[in-house]
Each structure stands twice: as structure tokens, then as C-alpha cells.
Amino acid sequence: MSAPHSLDELTRLIQSRYKDLSPQFQAGARYLIDHPTQVSTLSARKLAALAGVQPATLVRLAQHLGYSGWDSLKTIFTQELHPPGAYAARAQSLVRHPESTQAAWQAAARQQTANLLALEHANQAALAQAVALLSDARRIVIAGFRSCYPAAFSLRYLCSLFRPDVLLLDDTGGAMSLDLHHLRPDDAAILISYAPYSREAIELADALPPQGCRVLALCDSQLAPIALHADCVLTFTTQGHSFFPTTVAIQALVEMLAQQLLVHGGKAAIAELSRAEARLHATGAYR
């Protein structure tokens, strides 16, 4: 049997053969079709756990559907949900159908306004939980990679003005594995990522639970790979008017998180902020 070459073909094949599949294959196939984004980003082991089957079941299911193995089946989901060249395609559309500068500004402003307004609705209940989680931590480590790195750096910078125990995780010189080794159960980690999710963020999300520390995920979906085992999740939208996902709402979210963490810290946080500000001026950081 020839393996399906598109997600639509795969869905139709599963639907046509579903009643003849074994109960384990049915459970696995149903989960794949119902959660395509997770298939494109999670490992077979994690998907199997979520679907309630063994990882080997997914491998056998892929072969039963005509694929050489799990990776071949997963490629169908990855190519359609996160196709290579997607940014270039959007850029090409912008070039082929140019708008006036005024129209582009107006469209971008409308979209960014919607993104910012969505933050409150999505995070109204969870923000207090996130602040409590971070406030109780002995130490906070923050990680964001690629386009999420600026938000991670900004959050670390803002929080370090009133908390001396905030660190930025990165893998320069292979140091991240050492930093992870020193994490304790009373620490908290903040992970920032959005689709298509960076390999580093997913690997870090897998590595943190064994350390026992609590995890706050800042991402674009409650079902994002970094959110699945997080203790608390704050979400943002990246829908923009340009060729690349917008990070405006991410930046707004980290600024609000830092603000509320400062408020929760009260007088002690204000005193630390005053000392940090005085040091900056004394050392000539500002002109």
C-alpha cells in the first residue's frame, strides 16, 4: 500500500479503515488526527503517553499505514503545519501585493491591538498563579531561544533590578547542562516559545521535570510542547501583518509579569530596585 502524501489523504485513509483497526491502533490514530500540532512537535514517546498507548504502537501504526516508520509519518504533519519556506511565502505575498505604507501601518496596528487585548482574557486567572509560583522560588531561571531570546533577556533584566537571584539560561560553551544540574526543587524555571517550537525549548521542557523545579511556560497554546508538563501556563498570540510571527504580545506579557512580581515583592523589592538604580547611576551607566 502506498503511504499517503498529505494530511488530508492520511485522514481519509484512517477514516476508511478505522473500524478495522485494533483498539490500540484506534486510540493512537484518533489522537494523531485530533492533535496534529502535537504530532508535528512532540516525540513519539510523549505522544504515546498522551494517547494512552505504547510508543511501539505508534511505530507499528505508521508501518500499517504504509510508512517506513514513525519519522516518515510525522513528516506529513510537520511539512503541512510548519512547511519549510513559510516565511518566504508570506514575504513573497507582501511583495506581490504591496500595500501603501499607511494601509500597512493601519493593518499592523489593528492586529497588534487585538493581540494585546487578548492577553488579559487569556491570562487573567493564571497571572496571579504565575506570580505566586515565582515569588516562592529560591531562584528563577529563564530561557528563550531564537526569536524568543529578546523576551527572555528582557524579563531577566527587568527582574534582576529587584531580585538578585534571576538567571538567563543559554547554551554558550555547553554551559546549560551544568546550570540544569544545579537546579533544585525550590527553584522555578520560565520557558518562552511559540510555534514552530525551537528544539532547545522542547529539550529543556523535557529536562526540567526530573530536576523537580516548578515550570512556568509562556507560549502560544495550552497544548504547546513546553506547556504540557508545566505547573503554570501564560499564553500570547503571534498573529501579525508581516512575514514573521510578531513578538509584540510576548514582550508585553513579560513586562506585565515583571511588574506584578515587583508588586508582590512589596517594600523589599522596592528597596532592591532603589539600590540597583543607584548603582547604575553611580557607575555611569546612564549619561
Protein backbone atom coordinates (compact mmCIF):
# COMPACT_ATOMS: atom_id res chain seq x y z
CA MET A 1 0.00 0.00 0.00
CA SER A 2 1.31 3.44 -0.93
CA ALA A 3 1.62 5.78 2.05
CA PRO A 4 -0.47 9.00 1.98
CA HIS A 5 1.44 12.07 0.83
CA SER A 6 -0.68 14.71 2.59
CA LEU A 7 -2.51 15.15 5.86
CA ASP A 8 -5.87 15.12 4.05
CA GLU A 9 -5.00 11.80 2.39
CA LEU A 10 -3.86 10.36 5.70
CA THR A 11 -7.05 11.47 7.44
CA ARG A 12 -9.23 9.92 4.74
CA LEU A 13 -7.28 6.66 4.90
CA ILE A 14 -7.64 6.43 8.67
CA GLN A 15 -11.35 7.20 8.45
CA SER A 16 -11.90 4.50 5.81
CA ARG A 17 -10.00 1.84 7.77
CA TYR A 18 -10.74 2.95 11.34
CA LYS A 19 -13.34 0.29 12.19
CA ASP A 20 -10.93 -2.47 11.14
CA LEU A 21 -8.05 -1.23 13.29
CA SER A 22 -7.18 -2.83 16.63
CA PRO A 23 -8.27 -0.91 19.75
CA GLN A 24 -4.67 0.26 20.35
CA PHE A 25 -4.31 1.42 16.75
CA GLN A 26 -7.67 3.20 17.00
CA ALA A 27 -6.57 5.06 20.13
CA GLY A 28 -3.28 6.08 18.53
CA ALA A 29 -4.82 7.08 15.19
CA ARG A 30 -7.58 9.08 16.85
CA TYR A 31 -5.07 11.03 18.92
CA LEU A 32 -2.90 11.80 15.88
CA ILE A 33 -5.80 13.18 13.86
CA ASP A 34 -7.27 15.13 16.80
CA HIS A 35 -3.92 16.71 17.80
CA PRO A 36 -1.96 17.44 14.61
CA THR A 37 0.13 20.25 16.12
CA GLN A 38 1.40 17.96 18.87
CA VAL A 39 2.32 15.30 16.29
CA SER A 40 4.48 17.85 14.47
CA THR A 41 6.36 18.88 17.61
CA LEU A 42 6.37 16.11 20.22
CA SER A 43 8.35 12.89 20.37
CA ALA A 44 6.66 9.53 19.77
CA ARG A 45 7.21 8.70 23.44
CA LYS A 46 5.31 11.77 24.64
CA LEU A 47 2.53 11.33 22.10
CA ALA A 48 2.11 7.70 23.08
CA ALA A 49 1.79 8.66 26.74
CA LEU A 50 -0.85 11.27 25.92
CA ALA A 51 -2.73 8.81 23.68
CA GLY A 52 -2.57 6.07 26.29
CA VAL A 53 -0.63 3.62 24.12
CA GLN A 54 2.91 2.28 23.91
CA PRO A 55 5.48 4.11 21.71
CA ALA A 56 5.89 0.90 19.71
CA THR A 57 2.18 1.08 18.87
CA LEU A 58 2.71 4.36 17.01
CA VAL A 59 5.62 2.88 15.10
CA ARG A 60 3.57 -0.16 14.08
CA LEU A 61 0.61 2.07 13.21
CA ALA A 62 2.82 4.14 10.90
CA GLN A 63 4.02 0.97 9.18
CA HIS A 64 0.46 -0.35 8.97
CA LEU A 65 -0.50 2.85 7.11
CA GLY A 66 2.26 2.34 4.57
CA TYR A 67 5.13 4.37 6.04
CA SER A 68 8.63 3.06 6.65
CA GLY A 69 8.44 4.17 10.28
CA TRP A 70 7.32 6.86 12.70
CA ASP A 71 9.55 9.62 11.33
CA SER A 72 8.06 9.24 7.85
CA LEU A 73 4.53 9.64 9.20
CA LYS A 74 5.50 12.58 11.39
CA THR A 75 6.97 14.36 8.35
CA ILE A 76 3.47 14.61 6.84
CA PHE A 77 2.31 16.64 9.85
CA THR A 78 5.47 18.73 10.08
CA GLN A 79 5.53 19.74 6.41
CA GLU A 80 1.89 20.80 6.37
CA LEU A 81 1.74 22.58 9.73
CA HIS A 82 5.24 24.11 9.65
CA PRO A 83 6.23 24.00 5.99
CA PRO A 84 9.79 24.98 5.04
CA GLY A 85 9.78 28.38 3.39
CA ALA A 86 6.59 29.58 5.09
CA TYR A 87 8.21 32.90 5.98
CA ALA A 88 9.47 33.29 2.43
CA ALA A 89 5.99 32.57 1.06
CA ARG A 90 4.49 35.29 3.24
CA ALA A 91 7.22 37.69 2.23
CA GLN A 92 6.61 36.91 -1.43
CA SER A 93 2.90 37.65 -0.96
CA LEU A 94 3.73 41.02 0.59
CA VAL A 95 5.96 41.87 -2.35
CA ARG A 96 3.47 40.69 -4.97
CA HIS A 97 0.56 42.54 -3.39
CA PRO A 98 2.11 45.65 -1.86
CA GLU A 99 0.04 47.99 0.28
CA SER A 100 0.55 51.66 0.85
CA THR A 101 2.62 52.48 3.91
CA GLN A 102 -0.46 53.94 5.56
CA ALA A 103 -2.53 50.82 4.92
CA ALA A 104 0.25 48.60 6.24
CA TRP A 105 0.55 50.67 9.41
CA GLN A 106 -3.21 50.56 9.98
CA ALA A 107 -3.45 46.81 9.43
CA ALA A 108 -0.48 46.15 11.73
CA ALA A 109 -1.91 48.43 14.43
CA ARG A 110 -5.28 46.67 14.34
CA GLN A 111 -3.65 43.27 14.63
CA GLN A 112 -1.30 44.29 17.44
CA THR A 113 -4.17 45.89 19.35
CA ALA A 114 -6.10 42.63 19.11
CA ASN A 115 -3.06 40.66 20.26
CA LEU A 116 -2.56 42.90 23.29
CA LEU A 117 -6.24 42.88 24.25
CA ALA A 118 -6.24 39.08 24.07
CA LEU A 119 -3.54 38.90 26.75
CA GLU A 120 -5.83 39.90 29.61
CA HIS A 121 -8.60 37.48 28.67
CA ALA A 122 -6.17 34.58 28.24
CA ASN A 123 -4.18 35.16 31.42
CA GLN A 124 -6.47 36.88 33.90
CA ALA A 125 -6.70 33.88 36.21
CA ALA A 126 -3.27 32.39 35.61
CA LEU A 127 -1.20 35.53 36.12
CA ALA A 128 -1.66 35.54 39.89
CA GLN A 129 -0.72 31.86 40.00
CA ALA A 130 2.41 32.57 37.94
CA VAL A 131 3.46 35.42 40.23
CA ALA A 132 2.95 33.26 43.33
CA LEU A 133 4.98 30.45 41.77
CA LEU A 134 7.90 32.79 41.03
CA SER A 135 7.70 34.67 44.32
CA ASP A 136 8.06 31.45 46.31
CA ALA A 137 11.11 30.32 44.33
CA ARG A 138 14.61 30.36 45.78
CA ARG A 139 15.94 31.21 42.33
CA ILE A 140 14.45 31.90 38.89
CA VAL A 141 15.99 30.71 35.62
CA ILE A 142 14.68 31.96 32.27
CA ALA A 143 15.13 30.50 28.79
CA GLY A 144 14.04 31.61 25.34
CA PHE A 145 15.75 30.75 22.08
CA ARG A 146 15.97 32.34 18.65
CA SER A 147 13.23 34.98 18.29
CA CYS A 148 12.16 34.37 21.92
CA TYR A 149 15.61 35.25 23.26
CA PRO A 150 14.94 39.03 23.41
CA ALA A 151 11.86 38.47 25.58
CA ALA A 152 13.80 36.12 27.86
CA PHE A 153 16.64 38.62 28.14
CA SER A 154 14.21 41.47 28.81
CA LEU A 155 12.43 39.52 31.55
CA ARG A 156 15.70 38.62 33.19
CA TYR A 157 16.92 42.22 33.01
CA LEU A 158 13.73 43.67 34.50
CA CYS A 159 13.52 41.10 37.30
CA SER A 160 17.22 41.39 38.16
CA LEU A 161 16.64 45.05 39.03
CA PHE A 162 14.73 43.96 42.14
CA ARG A 163 15.74 40.28 42.54
CA PRO A 164 19.40 39.20 42.61
CA ASP A 165 18.52 35.54 42.06
CA VAL A 166 17.34 35.62 38.43
CA LEU A 167 19.46 33.89 35.76
CA LEU A 168 19.27 33.57 31.98
CA LEU A 169 19.83 30.07 30.63
CA ASP A 170 21.73 29.67 27.37
CA ASP A 171 23.97 27.02 25.91
CA THR A 172 27.07 29.10 25.24
CA GLY A 173 30.04 26.78 25.58
CA GLY A 174 27.71 23.96 26.60
CA ALA A 175 27.02 25.65 29.94
CA MET A 176 23.30 24.95 30.03
CA SER A 177 23.71 21.31 31.08
CA LEU A 178 25.79 22.48 34.05
CA ASP A 179 23.20 25.10 35.00
CA LEU A 180 20.45 22.47 34.87
CA HIS A 181 22.49 20.19 37.10
CA HIS A 182 22.43 22.82 39.87
CA LEU A 183 18.65 23.37 39.81
CA ARG A 184 16.78 22.41 42.97
CA PRO A 185 13.12 21.67 43.73
CA ASP A 186 12.68 25.13 45.29
CA ASP A 187 13.81 26.85 42.06
CA ALA A 188 11.48 27.99 39.25
CA ALA A 189 12.09 27.94 35.51
CA ILE A 190 10.43 30.14 32.87
CA LEU A 191 10.34 28.82 29.30
CA ILE A 192 9.32 31.02 26.36
CA SER A 193 8.47 29.61 22.92
CA TYR A 194 5.89 29.56 20.15
CA ALA A 195 5.18 27.52 17.00
CA PRO A 196 7.25 26.30 15.30
CA TYR A 197 8.78 25.44 18.67
CA SER A 198 12.55 25.53 18.94
CA ARG A 199 14.35 22.25 19.51
CA GLU A 200 16.18 23.72 22.51
CA ALA A 201 12.95 24.75 24.25
CA ILE A 202 11.39 21.31 23.80
CA GLU A 203 14.52 19.55 25.04
CA LEU A 204 14.66 21.87 28.04
CA ALA A 205 10.99 21.21 28.84
CA ASP A 206 11.83 17.51 28.89
CA ALA A 207 14.92 18.02 31.06
CA LEU A 208 13.36 20.20 33.77
CA PRO A 209 10.78 17.86 35.41
CA PRO A 210 13.46 15.40 36.66
CA GLN A 211 15.13 18.34 38.44
CA GLY A 212 11.98 18.83 40.49
CA CYS A 213 11.76 22.60 40.00
CA ARG A 214 8.48 24.24 39.08
CA VAL A 215 7.97 25.42 35.49
CA LEU A 216 6.15 28.45 34.09
CA ALA A 217 5.55 28.27 30.33
CA LEU A 218 4.99 31.38 28.23
CA CYS A 219 3.73 30.16 24.87
CA ASP A 220 1.07 30.43 22.18
CA SER A 221 -1.09 27.48 23.24
CA GLN A 222 -2.09 25.47 26.28
CA LEU A 223 -1.12 22.45 24.18
CA ALA A 224 2.35 23.68 23.25
CA PRO A 225 5.09 21.12 23.93
CA ILE A 226 6.57 23.29 26.69
CA ALA A 227 3.14 23.67 28.31
CA LEU A 228 2.17 20.01 28.62
CA HIS A 229 4.00 19.40 31.90
CA ALA A 230 4.31 23.00 33.14
CA ASP A 231 2.95 23.99 36.55
CA CYS A 232 1.51 27.20 35.13
CA VAL A 233 0.95 28.50 31.58
CA LEU A 234 0.58 32.05 30.27
CA THR A 235 -0.34 32.45 26.61
CA PHE A 236 0.09 35.06 23.91
CA THR A 237 -0.71 35.34 20.21
CA THR A 238 1.80 35.85 17.40
CA GLN A 239 -0.61 36.69 14.58
CA GLY A 240 0.92 39.58 12.67
CA HIS A 241 0.73 41.50 9.43
CA SER A 242 4.29 40.82 8.32
CA PHE A 243 6.22 37.78 7.08
CA PHE A 244 7.33 36.67 10.56
CA PRO A 245 5.26 35.93 13.69
CA THR A 246 5.01 39.05 15.82
CA THR A 247 6.62 39.13 19.27
CA VAL A 248 4.90 42.33 20.47
CA ALA A 249 2.47 40.46 22.73
CA ILE A 250 5.31 38.36 24.16
CA GLN A 251 7.16 41.49 25.20
CA ALA A 252 4.02 42.98 26.73
CA LEU A 253 3.42 39.79 28.69
CA VAL A 254 6.93 39.65 30.17
CA GLU A 255 6.71 43.32 31.16
CA MET A 256 3.40 42.69 32.94
CA LEU A 257 4.85 39.61 34.63
CA ALA A 258 7.84 41.61 35.89
CA GLN A 259 5.58 44.40 37.09
CA GLN A 260 3.34 42.07 39.06
CA LEU A 261 6.31 40.24 40.52
CA LEU A 262 7.65 43.57 41.76
CA VAL A 263 4.28 44.49 43.27
CA HIS A 264 4.14 41.13 45.02
CA GLY A 265 7.65 41.71 46.40
CA GLY A 266 6.50 44.91 48.11
CA LYS A 267 8.89 47.01 50.17
CA ALA A 268 11.80 44.58 49.88
CA ALA A 269 11.59 44.63 46.07
CA ILE A 270 11.37 48.44 46.01
CA ALA A 271 14.43 48.70 48.27
CA GLU A 272 16.41 46.39 45.98
CA LEU A 273 15.28 48.35 42.92
CA SER A 274 16.41 51.60 44.56
CA ARG A 275 19.85 50.12 45.29
CA ALA A 276 20.18 48.81 41.73
CA GLU A 277 19.16 52.14 40.24
CA ALA A 278 21.63 53.99 42.46
CA ARG A 279 24.45 51.64 41.39
CA LEU A 280 23.65 52.19 37.73
CA HIS A 281 23.86 55.95 38.11
CA ALA A 282 26.99 55.75 40.30
CA THR A 283 28.84 53.63 37.76
CA GLY A 284 27.96 55.94 34.88
CA ALA A 285 25.64 53.50 33.14
CA TYR A 286 23.39 56.39 32.16
CA ARG A 287 24.54 59.66 30.60
